[in-house]
């Protein structure tokens, strides 16, 4: 299990279920939420070209093979891959 997003409120975890299911939990921290307003302003002002940051669009059914696996390639060419849920 990997926690990919954090929420501002408390989210209790059932440690019995973690141990009973023998789960391995890893966390990943990317960007503090106080960066978001600045990033939004940069995108809105065209100083940060959002269209160049999203380098690939995929469907949910291909998210692992064409998304996560591709991003694990250290020599890869993709920065952000958007999962399009409308397809």
Protein backbone atom coordinates (compact mmCIF):
# COMPACT_ATOMS: atom_id res chain seq x y z
CA UNK A 1 0.00 0.00 0.00
CA UNK A 2 1.33 3.45 -0.89
CA UNK A 3 -0.27 6.62 0.39
CA UNK A 4 -0.18 9.03 -2.55
CA UNK A 5 -2.19 11.91 -1.18
CA UNK A 6 -2.53 13.49 2.22
CA UNK A 7 -5.66 15.05 3.62
CA UNK A 8 -5.75 17.91 6.13
CA UNK A 9 -7.92 16.01 8.62
CA UNK A 10 -7.15 13.05 10.84
CA UNK A 11 -7.53 9.67 9.17
CA UNK A 12 -7.24 6.88 11.73
CA UNK A 13 -5.64 3.67 10.55
CA UNK A 14 -6.79 0.27 11.79
CA UNK A 15 -3.44 -1.24 12.79
CA UNK A 16 -5.08 -4.62 13.43
CA UNK A 17 -6.00 -4.83 9.73
CA UNK A 18 -2.46 -3.79 8.77
CA UNK A 19 -0.91 -6.59 10.80
CA UNK A 20 -3.67 -9.15 10.10
CA UNK A 21 -3.26 -8.66 6.35
CA UNK A 22 0.54 -8.44 6.66
CA UNK A 23 0.51 -5.13 4.79
CA UNK A 24 3.61 -3.11 4.05
CA UNK A 25 2.98 0.63 4.19
CA UNK A 26 5.19 3.22 2.52
CA UNK A 27 4.65 6.93 2.29
CA UNK A 28 5.75 9.40 -0.32
CA UNK A 29 6.01 13.15 0.12
CA UNK A 30 6.17 15.35 -2.93
CA UNK A 31 5.10 18.94 -2.49
CA UNK A 32 3.80 20.84 0.55
CA UNK A 33 0.26 22.13 0.10
CA UNK A 34 1.37 25.74 0.64
CA UNK A 35 3.08 25.53 -2.81
CA UNK A 36 -0.24 24.97 -4.59
CA UNK A 37 -1.51 28.59 -4.71
CA UNK A 38 1.82 29.73 -6.19
CA UNK A 39 1.78 26.94 -8.78
CA UNK A 40 -1.80 27.80 -9.72
CA UNK A 41 -0.81 31.47 -10.18
CA UNK A 42 2.18 30.44 -12.33
CA UNK A 43 -0.01 28.25 -14.53
CA UNK A 44 -2.70 30.95 -14.79
CA UNK A 45 -0.12 33.54 -15.84
CA UNK A 46 1.42 31.13 -18.40
CA UNK A 47 4.81 31.33 -16.67
CA UNK A 48 4.53 27.60 -15.99
CA UNK A 49 3.40 25.82 -19.17
CA UNK A 50 1.12 23.11 -17.76
CA UNK A 51 0.65 21.60 -21.23
CA UNK A 52 4.35 20.75 -21.31
CA UNK A 53 4.37 19.24 -17.81
CA UNK A 54 1.72 16.60 -18.58
CA UNK A 55 3.73 14.54 -21.05
CA UNK A 56 1.29 11.67 -21.56
CA UNK A 57 -2.43 10.91 -21.18
CA UNK A 58 -3.68 7.39 -20.50
CA UNK A 59 -6.84 5.55 -19.51
CA UNK A 60 -7.47 4.00 -16.11
CA UNK A 61 -7.23 0.51 -17.59
CA UNK A 62 -3.63 1.15 -18.66
CA UNK A 63 -2.56 3.09 -15.57
CA UNK A 64 -0.08 0.49 -14.31
CA UNK A 65 1.60 -0.53 -17.57
CA UNK A 66 1.57 2.84 -19.35
CA UNK A 67 1.65 5.04 -16.27
CA UNK A 68 3.36 3.80 -13.12
CA UNK A 69 5.75 1.41 -14.88
CA UNK A 70 6.75 4.14 -17.34
CA UNK A 71 7.43 6.63 -14.54
CA UNK A 72 9.68 4.11 -12.75
CA UNK A 73 12.11 4.16 -15.70
CA UNK A 74 14.91 6.48 -14.54
CA UNK A 75 15.87 7.21 -18.14
CA UNK A 76 12.26 7.88 -19.11
CA UNK A 77 10.97 10.93 -20.92
CA UNK A 78 7.81 11.57 -18.87
CA UNK A 79 7.32 14.04 -16.07
CA UNK A 80 3.59 13.78 -15.31
CA UNK A 81 1.13 11.29 -16.75
CA UNK A 82 -2.56 12.18 -16.59
CA UNK A 83 -5.07 9.37 -16.10
CA UNK A 84 -8.13 10.37 -18.12
CA UNK A 85 -11.18 8.94 -16.36
CA UNK A 86 -13.57 10.07 -19.08
CA UNK A 87 -12.42 7.35 -21.50
